[in-house]
PDB file of N, CA and C in Angstrom:
ATOM      1  N   MET A   1      98.477 100.331 106.004  1.00  0.00           N
ATOM      2  CA  MET A   1      99.359 101.540 106.833  1.00  0.00           C
ATOM      3  C   MET A   1     101.029 100.187 106.196  1.00  0.00           C
ATOM      4  N   ILE A   2     101.360 101.876 105.428  1.00  0.00           N
ATOM      5  CA  ILE A   2     102.674 100.602 104.752  1.00  0.00           C
ATOM      6  C   ILE A   2     103.938 101.667 106.124  1.00  0.00           C
ATOM      7  N   ASN A   3     104.773 100.717 106.112  1.00  0.00           N
ATOM      8  CA  ASN A   3     105.606 102.038 107.214  1.00  0.00           C
ATOM      9  C   ASN A   3     107.265 101.399 106.533  1.00  0.00           C
ATOM     10  N   SER A   4     107.322 100.298 105.333  1.00  0.00           N
ATOM     11  CA  SER A   4     109.232 100.085 105.841  1.00  0.00           C
ATOM     12  C   SER A   4     108.713  99.830 104.007  1.00  0.00           C
ATOM     13  N   LYS A   5     110.222  99.659 103.170  1.00  0.00           N
ATOM     14  CA  LYS A   5     109.758  99.464 102.188  1.00  0.00           C
ATOM     15  C   LYS A   5     109.570  98.128 101.747  1.00  0.00           C
ATOM     16  N   LYS A   6     110.418  97.335 102.887  1.00  0.00           N
ATOM     17  CA  LYS A   6     109.781  95.394 102.751  1.00  0.00           C
ATOM     18  C   LYS A   6     108.016  95.334 102.733  1.00  0.00           C
ATOM     19  N   GLU A   7     107.641  96.184 103.606  1.00  0.00           N
ATOM     20  CA  GLU A   7     105.806  96.424 104.112  1.00  0.00           C
ATOM     21  C   GLU A   7     105.162  96.321 102.524  1.00  0.00           C
ATOM     22  N   CYS A   8     106.169  97.523 101.724  1.00  0.00           N
ATOM     23  CA  CYS A   8     105.837  97.868 100.476  1.00  0.00           C
ATOM     24  C   CYS A   8     105.619  96.895  99.452  1.00  0.00           C
ATOM     25  N   GLU A   9     106.646  96.237  99.731  1.00  0.00           N
ATOM     26  CA  GLU A   9     107.295  95.974  98.451  1.00  0.00           C
ATOM     27  C   GLU A   9     106.239  94.364  98.650  1.00  0.00           C
ATOM     28  N   ASN A  10     105.580  93.621 100.130  1.00  0.00           N
ATOM     29  CA  ASN A  10     104.533  92.189  99.927  1.00  0.00           C
ATOM     30  C   ASN A  10     103.046  93.218  99.186  1.00  0.00           C
ATOM     31  N   PHE A  11     102.649  94.466  99.856  1.00  0.00           N
ATOM     32  CA  PHE A  11     101.995  95.241  99.858  1.00  0.00           C
ATOM     33  C   PHE A  11     100.837  94.758  97.990  1.00  0.00           C
ATOM     34  N   VAL A  12     102.031  96.040  97.065  1.00  0.00           N
ATOM     35  CA  VAL A  12     102.304  95.832  95.748  1.00  0.00           C
ATOM     36  C   VAL A  12     101.821  94.589  95.218  1.00  0.00           C
ATOM     37  N   SER A  13     102.457  93.175  95.162  1.00  0.00           N
ATOM     38  CA  SER A  13     103.240  91.516  95.700  1.00  0.00           C
ATOM     39  C   SER A  13     101.948  90.741  95.288  1.00  0.00           C
ATOM     40  N   TYR A  14     100.673  91.951  96.695  1.00  0.00           N
ATOM     41  CA  TYR A  14      99.354  90.964  96.510  1.00  0.00           C
ATOM     42  C   TYR A  14      98.231  92.096  96.021  1.00  0.00           C
ATOM     43  N   CYS A  15      98.981  93.241  95.748  1.00  0.00           N
ATOM     44  CA  CYS A  15      97.956  93.109  94.241  1.00  0.00           C
ATOM     45  C   CYS A  15      98.078  93.219  93.038  1.00  0.00           C
ATOM     46  N   ASN A  16      99.304  92.905  92.806  1.00  0.00           N
ATOM     47  CA  ASN A  16      98.425  92.076  91.389  1.00  0.00           C
ATOM     48  C   ASN A  16      99.011  90.327  90.987  1.00  0.00           C
ATOM     49  N   TYR A  17      99.073  90.230  89.933  1.00  0.00           N
ATOM     50  CA  TYR A  17      99.071  88.439  89.963  1.00  0.00           C
ATOM     51  C   TYR A  17     100.058  88.844  88.961  1.00  0.00           C
ATOM     52  N   PRO A  18     100.255  87.321  89.524  1.00  0.00           N
ATOM     53  CA  PRO A  18     102.306  86.892  88.474  1.00  0.00           C
ATOM     54  C   PRO A  18     101.631  86.879  86.977  1.00  0.00           C
ATOM     55  N   PRO A  19     102.743  87.573  86.496  1.00  0.00           N
ATOM     56  CA  PRO A  19     104.587  88.035  87.116  1.00  0.00           C
ATOM     57  C   PRO A  19     104.588  88.780  87.924  1.00  0.00           C
ATOM     58  N   LYS A  20     103.987  90.119  88.558  1.00  0.00           N
ATOM     59  CA  LYS A  20     104.344  91.068  88.879  1.00  0.00           C
ATOM     60  C   LYS A  20     104.200  90.576  89.936  1.00  0.00           C
ATOM     61  N   GLY A  21     103.673  90.012  90.579  1.00  0.00           N
ATOM     62  CA  GLY A  21     102.479  89.379  92.520  1.00  0.00           C
ATOM     63  C   GLY A  21     101.841  88.102  92.372  1.00  0.00           C
ATOM     64  N   GLN A  22     101.750  88.103  93.439  1.00  0.00           N
ATOM     65  CA  GLN A  22     101.818  86.728  93.319  1.00  0.00           C
ATOM     66  C   GLN A  22     100.237  86.789  94.903  1.00  0.00           C
ATOM     67  N   ARG A  23      98.947  87.920  94.181  1.00  0.00           N
ATOM     68  CA  ARG A  23      97.700  87.446  93.599  1.00  0.00           C
ATOM     69  C   ARG A  23      97.316  86.168  93.712  1.00  0.00           C
ATOM     70  N   SER A  24      96.211  86.062  94.120  1.00  0.00           N
ATOM     71  CA  SER A  24      96.166  84.164  94.094  1.00  0.00           C
ATOM     72  C   SER A  24      94.340  84.805  92.913  1.00  0.00           C
ATOM     73  N   PHE A  25      94.699  83.509  92.197  1.00  0.00           N
ATOM     74  CA  PHE A  25      93.017  84.070  91.085  1.00  0.00           C
ATOM     75  C   PHE A  25      91.795  82.845  91.198  1.00  0.00           C
ATOM     76  N   GLY A  26      91.009  84.002  91.462  1.00  0.00           N
ATOM     77  CA  GLY A  26      90.049  83.460  91.740  1.00  0.00           C
ATOM     78  C   GLY A  26      88.557  83.891  91.710  1.00  0.00           C
ATOM     79  N   PRO A  27      88.523  84.655  90.201  1.00  0.00           N
ATOM     80  CA  PRO A  27      87.156  86.402  90.044  1.00  0.00           C
ATOM     81  C   PRO A  27      86.854  85.957  89.164  1.00  0.00           C
ATOM     82  N   MET A  28      86.037  84.834  89.415  1.00  0.00           N
ATOM     83  CA  MET A  28      84.956  84.356  88.661  1.00  0.00           C
ATOM     84  C   MET A  28      83.794  84.827  88.038  1.00  0.00           C
ATOM     85  N   ARG A  29      83.411  85.799  88.888  1.00  0.00           N
ATOM     86  CA  ARG A  29      82.492  86.666  89.107  1.00  0.00           C
ATOM     87  C   ARG A  29      83.479  88.215  87.960  1.00  0.00           C
ATOM     88  N   ALA A  30      84.089  88.113  88.143  1.00  0.00           N
ATOM     89  CA  ALA A  30      85.113  89.390  86.923  1.00  0.00           C
ATOM     90  C   ALA A  30      85.242  89.082  85.956  1.00  0.00           C
ATOM     91  N   GLN A  31      85.025  88.230  85.876  1.00  0.00           N
ATOM     92  CA  GLN A  31      85.708  87.199  83.669  1.00  0.00           C
ATOM     93  C   GLN A  31      84.057  87.223  83.335  1.00  0.00           C
ATOM     94  N   LEU A  32      83.354  87.116  84.581  1.00  0.00           N
ATOM     95  CA  LEU A  32      81.768  87.440  83.687  1.00  0.00           C
ATOM     96  C   LEU A  32      81.545  89.449  82.994  1.00  0.00           C
ATOM     97  N   ILE A  33      82.182  90.085  84.133  1.00  0.00           N
ATOM     98  CA  ILE A  33      81.547  90.880  83.917  1.00  0.00           C
ATOM     99  C   ILE A  33      83.324  91.910  82.859  1.00  0.00           C
ATOM    100  N   TYR A  34      84.756  91.398  83.411  1.00  0.00           N
ATOM    101  CA  TYR A  34      85.059  91.925  82.914  1.00  0.00           C
ATOM    102  C   TYR A  34      85.924  91.084  81.252  1.00  0.00           C
ATOM    103  N   GLY A  35      85.083  89.661  81.636  1.00  0.00           N
ATOM    104  CA  GLY A  35      85.124  89.467  79.783  1.00  0.00           C
ATOM    105  C   GLY A  35      86.494  88.471  80.394  1.00  0.00           C
ATOM    106  N   SER A  36      86.388  87.034  79.742  1.00  0.00           N
ATOM    107  CA  SER A  36      87.596  86.256  79.746  1.00  0.00           C
ATOM    108  C   SER A  36      89.256  86.844  80.265  1.00  0.00           C
ATOM    109  N   ASP A  37      89.057  87.155  78.943  1.00  0.00           N
ATOM    110  CA  ASP A  37      91.078  87.776  79.758  1.00  0.00           C
ATOM    111  C   ASP A  37      90.766  89.297  80.362  1.00  0.00           C
ATOM    112  N   TYR A  38      90.152  88.856  81.808  1.00  0.00           N
ATOM    113  CA  TYR A  38      90.790  89.166  82.378  1.00  0.00           C
ATOM    114  C   TYR A  38      91.616  89.828  83.046  1.00  0.00           C
ATOM    115  N   TYR A  39      92.720  87.961  83.667  1.00  0.00           N
ATOM    116  CA  TYR A  39      93.573  87.496  83.815  1.00  0.00           C
ATOM    117  C   TYR A  39      94.616  88.687  83.103  1.00  0.00           C
ATOM    118  N   GLU A  40      94.445  88.466  81.895  1.00  0.00           N
ATOM    119  CA  GLU A  40      95.859  88.868  80.933  1.00  0.00           C
ATOM    120  C   GLU A  40      95.268  90.163  81.265  1.00  0.00           C
ATOM    121  N   LYS A  41      94.714  91.177  81.655  1.00  0.00           N
ATOM    122  CA  LYS A  41      94.701  92.897  81.844  1.00  0.00           C
ATOM    123  C   LYS A  41      94.767  93.433  82.900  1.00  0.00           C
ATOM    124  N   ALA A  42      94.154  92.248  84.492  1.00  0.00           N
ATOM    125  CA  ALA A  42      94.069  93.064  85.505  1.00  0.00           C
ATOM    126  C   ALA A  42      95.357  93.386  85.817  1.00  0.00           C
ATOM    127  N   ASN A  43      96.859  93.129  85.783  1.00  0.00           N
ATOM    128  CA  ASN A  43      97.565  94.069  86.345  1.00  0.00           C
ATOM    129  C   ASN A  43      97.831  95.414  85.754  1.00  0.00           C
ATOM    130  N   ASP A  44      97.087  95.707  84.578  1.00  0.00           N
ATOM    131  CA  ASP A  44      97.191  96.732  83.977  1.00  0.00           C
ATOM    132  C   ASP A  44      96.233  98.292  84.454  1.00  0.00           C
ATOM    133  N   GLN A  45      95.020  97.068  85.317  1.00  0.00           N
ATOM    134  CA  GLN A  45      93.790  98.074  85.320  1.00  0.00           C
ATOM    135  C   GLN A  45      93.916  98.528  87.346  1.00  0.00           C
ATOM    136  N   THR A  46      94.967  97.501  88.266  1.00  0.00           N
ATOM    137  CA  THR A  46      95.132  97.707  89.137  1.00  0.00           C
ATOM    138  C   THR A  46      96.116  98.514  89.877  1.00  0.00           C
ATOM    139  N   ILE A  47      95.926  99.051  90.682  1.00  0.00           N
ATOM    140  CA  ILE A  47      95.808 100.804  91.797  1.00  0.00           C
ATOM    141  C   ILE A  47      96.332 100.178  92.682  1.00  0.00           C
ATOM    142  N   SER A  48      97.652 100.814  93.031  1.00  0.00           N
ATOM    143  CA  SER A  48      98.143 100.250  94.372  1.00  0.00           C
ATOM    144  C   SER A  48      98.854 101.752  95.206  1.00  0.00           C
ATOM    145  N   LEU A  49      97.601 102.176  96.491  1.00  0.00           N
ATOM    146  CA  LEU A  49      97.776 103.232  96.976  1.00  0.00           C
ATOM    147  C   LEU A  49      99.021 103.132  98.523  1.00  0.00           C
ATOM    148  N   ALA A  50     100.157 102.749  98.846  1.00  0.00           N
ATOM    149  CA  ALA A  50     100.217 102.512 100.345  1.00  0.00           C
ATOM    150  C   ALA A  50      99.476 103.730 100.845  1.00  0.00           C
ATOM    151  N   MET A  51      99.711 103.589 102.187  1.00  0.00           N
ATOM    152  CA  MET A  51      99.221 104.545 103.230  1.00  0.00           C
ATOM    153  C   MET A  51     100.140 104.911 104.058  1.00  0.00           C
ATOM    154  N   ILE A  52     100.415 105.664 103.605  1.00  0.00           N
ATOM    155  CA  ILE A  52     101.788 107.188 104.223  1.00  0.00           C
ATOM    156  C   ILE A  52     101.336 107.338 106.156  1.00  0.00           C
ATOM    157  N   GLU A  53     101.382 106.831 106.845  1.00  0.00           N
ATOM    158  CA  GLU A  53     100.413 107.547 108.059  1.00  0.00           C
ATOM    159  C   GLU A  53     101.601 107.610 109.195  1.00  0.00           C
ATOM    160  N   THR A  54     102.689 107.341 109.035  1.00  0.00           N
ATOM    161  CA  THR A  54     103.866 107.264 110.515  1.00  0.00           C
ATOM    162  C   THR A  54     105.015 107.720 110.695  1.00  0.00           C
ATOM    163  N   LYS A  55     104.987 108.049 111.176  1.00  0.00           N
ATOM    164  CA  LYS A  55     106.213 108.830 111.318  1.00  0.00           C
ATOM    165  C   LYS A  55     107.529 107.911 110.682  1.00  0.00           C
ATOM    166  N   GLU A  56     107.865 106.534 110.713  1.00  0.00           N
ATOM    167  CA  GLU A  56     108.590 106.081 110.534  1.00  0.00           C
ATOM    168  C   GLU A  56     108.276 105.465 108.417  1.00  0.00           C
ATOM    169  N   ALA A  57     106.887 105.812 108.056  1.00  0.00           N
ATOM    170  CA  ALA A  57     106.972 105.837 106.884  1.00  0.00           C
ATOM    171  C   ALA A  57     107.628 106.647 106.671  1.00  0.00           C
ATOM    172  N   VAL A  58     107.348 108.159 106.904  1.00  0.00           N
ATOM    173  CA  VAL A  58     107.840 109.251 106.450  1.00  0.00           C
ATOM    174  C   VAL A  58     109.032 109.168 106.363  1.00  0.00           C
ATOM    175  N   ASP A  59     109.769 108.671 107.216  1.00  0.00           N
ATOM    176  CA  ASP A  59     111.425 108.098 107.638  1.00  0.00           C
ATOM    177  C   ASP A  59     112.087 106.947 106.393  1.00  0.00           C
ATOM    178  N   ASN A  60     111.226 107.101 105.424  1.00  0.00           N
ATOM    179  CA  ASN A  60     111.405 106.090 104.689  1.00  0.00           C
ATOM    180  C   ASN A  60     110.574 105.944 103.321  1.00  0.00           C
ATOM    181  N   ILE A  61     110.432 107.025 103.336  1.00  0.00           N
ATOM    182  CA  ILE A  61     109.443 107.611 101.955  1.00  0.00           C
ATOM    183  C   ILE A  61     109.957 107.536 100.777  1.00  0.00           C
ATOM    184  N   ASP A  62     110.931 108.215 100.483  1.00  0.00           N
ATOM    185  CA  ASP A  62     112.080 107.780  99.647  1.00  0.00           C
ATOM    186  C   ASP A  62     111.955 106.583  98.715  1.00  0.00           C
ATOM    187  N   GLU A  63     112.182 105.301 100.147  1.00  0.00           N
ATOM    188  CA  GLU A  63     112.809 103.375  99.523  1.00  0.00           C
ATOM    189  C   GLU A  63     110.882 103.756  99.305  1.00  0.00           C
ATOM    190  N   ILE A  64     110.041 104.542 100.405  1.00  0.00           N
ATOM    191  CA  ILE A  64     108.347 103.658 100.054  1.00  0.00           C
ATOM    192  C   ILE A  64     108.652 103.517  98.432  1.00  0.00           C
ATOM    193  N   LEU A  65     108.616 104.872  97.935  1.00  0.00           N
ATOM    194  CA  LEU A  65     108.794 105.843  96.685  1.00  0.00           C
ATOM    195  C   LEU A  65     109.200 104.985  95.328  1.00  0.00           C
ATOM    196  N   SER A  66     110.610 104.487  95.582  1.00  0.00           N
ATOM    197  CA  SER A  66     110.858 103.606  94.578  1.00  0.00           C
ATOM    198  C   SER A  66     110.621 102.041  94.226  1.00  0.00           C
ATOM    199  N   VAL A  67     109.276 101.846  95.109  1.00  0.00           N
ATOM    200  CA  VAL A  67     108.826 100.396  95.140  1.00  0.00           C
ATOM    201  C   VAL A  67     108.296 100.114  93.700  1.00  0.00           C
ATOM    202  N   PRO A  68     108.983  99.443  92.796  1.00  0.00           N
ATOM    203  CA  PRO A  68     108.060  99.043  91.148  1.00  0.00           C
ATOM    204  C   PRO A  68     106.334  99.016  91.718  1.00  0.00           C
ATOM    205  N   ASN A  69     106.115  99.514  90.569  1.00  0.00           N
ATOM    206  CA  ASN A  69     104.604  98.966  90.351  1.00  0.00           C
ATOM    207  C   ASN A  69     103.778  99.405  91.518  1.00  0.00           C
ATOM    208  N   LEU A  70     103.871 100.231  92.335  1.00  0.00           N
ATOM    209  CA  LEU A  70     102.917 100.896  93.370  1.00  0.00           C
ATOM    210  C   LEU A  70     102.795 101.968  92.327  1.00  0.00           C
ATOM    211  N   THR A  71     101.987 102.392  92.766  1.00  0.00           N
ATOM    212  CA  THR A  71     100.906 102.993  92.338  1.00  0.00           C
ATOM    213  C   THR A  71     101.565 105.206  92.263  1.00  0.00           C
ATOM    214  N   GLY A  72     100.461 104.931  93.962  1.00  0.00           N
ATOM    215  CA  GLY A  72     100.664 106.081  94.363  1.00  0.00           C
ATOM    216  C   GLY A  72     101.324 105.785  95.980  1.00  0.00           C
ATOM    217  N   VAL A  73     100.582 106.257  96.864  1.00  0.00           N
ATOM    218  CA  VAL A  73     100.757 106.797  98.138  1.00  0.00           C
ATOM    219  C   VAL A  73      99.316 108.073  98.314  1.00  0.00           C
ATOM    220  N   TYR A  74      98.405 107.200  99.862  1.00  0.00           N
ATOM    221  CA  TYR A  74      97.471 108.086 100.048  1.00  0.00           C
ATOM    222  C   TYR A  74      98.242 108.544 101.681  1.00  0.00           C
ATOM    223  N   ILE A  75      97.773 109.709 102.286  1.00  0.00           N
ATOM    224  CA  ILE A  75      98.589 109.910 103.700  1.00  0.00           C
ATOM    225  C   ILE A  75      97.061 110.057 104.356  1.00  0.00           C
ATOM    226  N   GLY A  76      97.429 109.423 105.966  1.00  0.00           N
ATOM    227  CA  GLY A  76      96.788 109.671 106.574  1.00  0.00           C
ATOM    228  C   GLY A  76      96.677 111.120 108.158  1.00  0.00           C
ATOM    229  N   PRO A  77      96.591 112.248 108.176  1.00  0.00           N
ATOM    230  CA  PRO A  77      97.476 113.717 108.732  1.00  0.00           C
ATOM    231  C   PRO A  77      96.811 112.663 109.711  1.00  0.00           C
ATOM    232  N   GLY A  78      96.116 112.269 110.520  1.00  0.00           N
ATOM    233  CA  GLY A  78      95.249 112.619 111.732  1.00  0.00           C
ATOM    234  C   GLY A  78      96.215 111.029 112.428  1.00  0.00           C
ATOM    235  N   ASP A  79      95.960 109.762 112.043  1.00  0.00           N
ATOM    236  CA  ASP A  79      97.135 108.714 112.321  1.00  0.00           C
ATOM    237  C   ASP A  79      99.217 109.343 112.596  1.00  0.00           C
ATOM    238  N   MET A  80      99.411 110.271 111.769  1.00  0.00           N
ATOM    239  CA  MET A  80     100.221 110.986 111.404  1.00  0.00           C
ATOM    240  C   MET A  80     100.510 111.690 112.517  1.00  0.00           C
ATOM    241  N   SER A  81      99.394 112.584 112.646  1.00  0.00           N
ATOM    242  CA  SER A  81     100.132 112.889 114.117  1.00  0.00           C
ATOM    243  C   SER A  81      99.900 112.682 115.199  1.00  0.00           C
ATOM    244  N   SER A  82      99.131 111.853 115.294  1.00  0.00           N
ATOM    245  CA  SER A  82      99.299 111.243 117.238  1.00  0.00           C
ATOM    246  C   SER A  82     100.354 110.450 116.453  1.00  0.00           C
ATOM    247  N   SER A  83     101.293 110.077 115.281  1.00  0.00           N
ATOM    248  CA  SER A  83     102.254 109.133 115.030  1.00  0.00           C
ATOM    249  C   SER A  83     103.721 110.265 115.711  1.00  0.00           C
ATOM    250  N   TYR A  84     103.276 111.786 115.585  1.00  0.00           N
ATOM    251  CA  TYR A  84     104.094 112.635 116.175  1.00  0.00           C
ATOM    252  C   TYR A  84     103.744 113.467 117.217  1.00  0.00           C
ATOM    253  N   GLY A  85     103.107 112.586 118.718  1.00  0.00           N
ATOM    254  CA  GLY A  85     103.028 112.571 119.417  1.00  0.00           C
ATOM    255  C   GLY A  85     101.651 113.930 119.828  1.00  0.00           C
ATOM    256  N   LEU A  86     101.318 114.416 118.674  1.00  0.00           N
ATOM    257  CA  LEU A  86     100.326 115.071 118.795  1.00  0.00           C
ATOM    258  C   LEU A  86      98.945 114.669 118.630  1.00  0.00           C
ATOM    259  N   LYS A  87      97.628 115.583 119.246  1.00  0.00           N
ATOM    260  CA  LYS A  87      96.421 115.346 119.138  1.00  0.00           C
ATOM    261  C   LYS A  87      96.033 114.793 117.590  1.00  0.00           C
ATOM    262  N   PRO A  88      94.985 113.649 116.802  1.00  0.00           N
ATOM    263  CA  PRO A  88      95.048 113.761 115.653  1.00  0.00           C
ATOM    264  C   PRO A  88      94.294 115.044 115.372  1.00  0.00           C
ATOM    265  N   GLN A  89      95.034 114.973 113.845  1.00  0.00           N
ATOM    266  CA  GLN A  89      93.931 116.216 113.079  1.00  0.00           C
ATOM    267  C   GLN A  89      93.997 115.917 112.031  1.00  0.00           C
ATOM    268  N   PHE A  90      92.767 116.682 111.144  1.00  0.00           N
ATOM    269  CA  PHE A  90      92.334 116.305 109.919  1.00  0.00           C
ATOM    270  C   PHE A  90      92.880 117.541 109.553  1.00  0.00           C
ATOM    271  N   ASP A  91      92.490 118.497 109.667  1.00  0.00           N
ATOM    272  CA  ASP A  91      92.586 119.668 108.868  1.00  0.00           C
ATOM    273  C   ASP A  91      93.587 120.792 109.432  1.00  0.00           C
ATOM    274  N   VAL A  92      95.182 119.813 108.160  1.00  0.00           N
ATOM    275  CA  VAL A  92      96.443 120.402 108.489  1.00  0.00           C
ATOM    276  C   VAL A  92      96.719 121.795 107.871  1.00  0.00           C
ATOM    277  N   ASN A  93      97.519 123.028 109.259  1.00  0.00           N
ATOM    278  CA  ASN A  93      98.074 123.440 108.235  1.00  0.00           C
ATOM    279  C   ASN A  93      99.625 124.093 108.348  1.00  0.00           C
ATOM    280  N   ASP A  94      99.426 123.777 108.946  1.00  0.00           N
ATOM    281  CA  ASP A  94     101.347 123.887 109.628  1.00  0.00           C
ATOM    282  C   ASP A  94     101.680 122.925 110.295  1.00  0.00           C
ATOM    283  N   GLY A  95     102.973 122.889 111.182  1.00  0.00           N
ATOM    284  CA  GLY A  95     103.442 122.194 111.588  1.00  0.00           C
ATOM    285  C   GLY A  95     104.399 120.802 110.855  1.00  0.00           C
ATOM    286  N   PRO A  96     105.068 119.981 112.358  1.00  0.00           N
ATOM    287  CA  PRO A  96     105.573 118.460 110.539  1.00  0.00           C
ATOM    288  C   PRO A  96     104.823 117.858 109.839  1.00  0.00           C
ATOM    289  N   VAL A  97     103.287 117.532 110.448  1.00  0.00           N
ATOM    290  CA  VAL A  97     102.171 116.653 109.663  1.00  0.00           C
ATOM    291  C   VAL A  97     102.214 117.462 108.657  1.00  0.00           C
ATOM    292  N   TYR A  98     101.404 118.726 108.035  1.00  0.00           N
ATOM    293  CA  TYR A  98     101.515 119.259 107.193  1.00  0.00           C
ATOM    294  C   TYR A  98     102.801 119.705 106.108  1.00  0.00           C
ATOM    295  N   SER A  99     103.937 119.844 107.018  1.00  0.00           N
ATOM    296  CA  SER A  99     106.154 119.276 106.095  1.00  0.00           C
ATOM    297  C   SER A  99     105.673 118.526 105.709  1.00  0.00           C
ATOM    298  N   ASN A 100     105.280 117.304 106.101  1.00  0.00           N
ATOM    299  CA  ASN A 100     105.521 115.788 105.793  1.00  0.00           C
ATOM    300  C   ASN A 100     104.864 116.061 104.473  1.00  0.00           C
ATOM    301  N   ILE A 101     103.699 116.595 104.472  1.00  0.00           N
ATOM    302  CA  ILE A 101     102.634 116.242 104.114  1.00  0.00           C
ATOM    303  C   ILE A 101     102.990 116.715 102.106  1.00  0.00           C
ATOM    304  N   THR A 102     103.283 117.766 102.058  1.00  0.00           N
ATOM    305  CA  THR A 102     103.995 118.512 101.499  1.00  0.00           C
ATOM    306  C   THR A 102     105.528 118.022 100.856  1.00  0.00           C
ATOM    307  N   MET A 103     105.967 117.311 101.887  1.00  0.00           N
ATOM    308  CA  MET A 103     106.926 116.805 101.437  1.00  0.00           C
ATOM    309  C   MET A 103     107.330 115.056 100.408  1.00  0.00           C
ATOM    310  N   ILE A 104     106.222 114.747 100.957  1.00  0.00           N
ATOM    311  CA  ILE A 104     105.817 113.624 100.131  1.00  0.00           C
ATOM    312  C   ILE A 104     104.774 113.524  98.981  1.00  0.00           C
ATOM    313  N   ALA A 105     104.492 114.894  99.047  1.00  0.00           N
ATOM    314  CA  ALA A 105     104.109 115.119  97.577  1.00  0.00           C
ATOM    315  C   ALA A 105     104.514 115.609  96.276  1.00  0.00           C
ATOM    316  N   LYS A 106     105.501 116.230  96.627  1.00  0.00           N
ATOM    317  CA  LYS A 106     106.831 116.238  96.177  1.00  0.00           C
ATOM    318  C   LYS A 106     106.855 115.355  95.764  1.00  0.00           C
ATOM    319  N   LYS A 107     108.186 113.974  96.630  1.00  0.00           N
ATOM    320  CA  LYS A 107     108.724 112.791  95.877  1.00  0.00           C
ATOM    321  C   LYS A 107     107.659 112.322  94.964  1.00  0.00           C
ATOM    322  N   ALA A 108     106.597 112.408  95.695  1.00  0.00           N
ATOM    323  CA  ALA A 108     105.543 111.496  95.172  1.00  0.00           C
ATOM    324  C   ALA A 108     105.491 111.979  93.440  1.00  0.00           C
ATOM    325  N   LYS A 109     105.479 113.563  93.368  1.00  0.00           N
ATOM    326  CA  LYS A 109     105.381 113.818  91.867  1.00  0.00           C
ATOM    327  C   LYS A 109     106.955 113.406  91.376  1.00  0.00           C
ATOM    328  N   GLU A 110     108.006 113.214  92.321  1.00  0.00           N
ATOM    329  CA  GLU A 110     109.360 113.168  91.478  1.00  0.00           C
ATOM    330  C   GLU A 110     109.756 111.842  91.114  1.00  0.00           C
ATOM    331  N   ASN A 111     109.280 111.574  91.542  1.00  0.00           N
ATOM    332  CA  ASN A 111     109.221 109.973  91.282  1.00  0.00           C
ATOM    333  C   ASN A 111     108.347 108.980  90.172  1.00  0.00           C
ATOM    334  N   GLY A 112     106.741 110.080  90.032  1.00  0.00           N
ATOM    335  CA  GLY A 112     105.679 110.047  89.308  1.00  0.00           C
ATOM    336  C   GLY A 112     104.745 108.920  89.214  1.00  0.00           C
ATOM    337  N   LYS A 113     104.298 109.195  90.942  1.00  0.00           N
ATOM    338  CA  LYS A 113     103.705 108.059  92.001  1.00  0.00           C
ATOM    339  C   LYS A 113     102.438 109.546  91.773  1.00  0.00           C
ATOM    340  N   ILE A 114     101.243 108.546  92.204  1.00  0.00           N
ATOM    341  CA  ILE A 114      99.876 109.678  92.730  1.00  0.00           C
ATOM    342  C   ILE A 114      99.885 110.212  94.066  1.00  0.00           C
ATOM    343  N   CYS A 115      99.744 111.133  95.012  1.00  0.00           N
ATOM    344  CA  CYS A 115      99.121 110.938  95.929  1.00  0.00           C
ATOM    345  C   CYS A 115      98.498 111.874  96.349  1.00  0.00           C
ATOM    346  N   ARG A 116      97.745 111.490  96.982  1.00  0.00           N
ATOM    347  CA  ARG A 116      96.499 111.281  97.559  1.00  0.00           C
ATOM    348  C   ARG A 116      96.162 112.073  99.297  1.00  0.00           C
ATOM    349  N   HIS A 117      95.191 112.458  99.796  1.00  0.00           N
ATOM    350  CA  HIS A 117      95.408 112.795 101.117  1.00  0.00           C
ATOM    351  C   HIS A 117      94.100 113.291 101.371  1.00  0.00           C
ATOM    352  N   THR A 118      93.434 112.678 102.174  1.00  0.00           N
ATOM    353  CA  THR A 118      92.434 112.485 103.192  1.00  0.00           C
ATOM    354  C   THR A 118      91.576 113.770 103.779  1.00  0.00           C
ATOM    355  N   GLN A 119      92.603 114.877 103.513  1.00  0.00           N
ATOM    356  CA  GLN A 119      92.018 116.447 103.654  1.00  0.00           C
ATOM    357  C   GLN A 119      91.858 116.967 102.454  1.00  0.00           C
ATOM    358  N   TRP A 120      92.549 116.805 101.929  1.00  0.00           N
ATOM    359  CA  TRP A 120      92.455 117.697 100.529  1.00  0.00           C
ATOM    360  C   TRP A 120      91.767 116.615  99.421  1.00  0.00           C
ATOM    361  N   ASN A 121      91.001 116.060  99.652  1.00  0.00           N
ATOM    362  CA  ASN A 121      90.574 114.297  99.062  1.00  0.00           C
ATOM    363  C   ASN A 121      90.435 114.620  97.120  1.00  0.00           C
ATOM    364  N   TYR A 122      91.838 114.977  96.715  1.00  0.00           N
ATOM    365  CA  TYR A 122      91.924 114.657  95.107  1.00  0.00           C
ATOM    366  C   TYR A 122      93.105 114.679  95.625  1.00  0.00           C
ATOM    367  N   GLU A 123      93.496 114.024  94.244  1.00  0.00           N
ATOM    368  CA  GLU A 123      95.019 114.777  94.038  1.00  0.00           C
ATOM    369  C   GLU A 123      95.914 115.495  94.185  1.00  0.00           C
ATOM    370  N   ILE A 124      96.673 115.178  95.111  1.00  0.00           N
ATOM    371  CA  ILE A 124      97.875 116.924  94.847  1.00  0.00           C
ATOM    372  C   ILE A 124      99.541 116.766  94.551  1.00  0.00           C
ATOM    373  N   CYS A 125      99.291 115.920  93.359  1.00  0.00           N
ATOM    374  CA  CYS A 125     101.141 115.929  92.415  1.00  0.00           C
ATOM    375  C   CYS A 125      99.586 115.816  91.586  1.00  0.00           C
TER     376      CYS A 125
END
């Protein structure tokens, strides 16, 4: 659950090894499977999808999408619904949550980010 640019920056940092991030290194099994150069290639193969599921995150979506090395966003309509005082919904076809989903998808595409949604389990950008 990412609500702000700072939370997103931290999240992306925890996903990547230095110099892109601060993820700790200890994947002996990964080196056995992916080779001894795993560390050098891992950042290029890591995806980071910020979970967007609150009104606060929607309000901060432009800043969240501006974070370098963020691959994209994953939208949670159930929690987003409750964040707007609504009963949790998953098959959202109207109202503020639907408007948010379409707005986020558009902005993600404009920022070169992936946008996925739990209702439409596929990329919507």
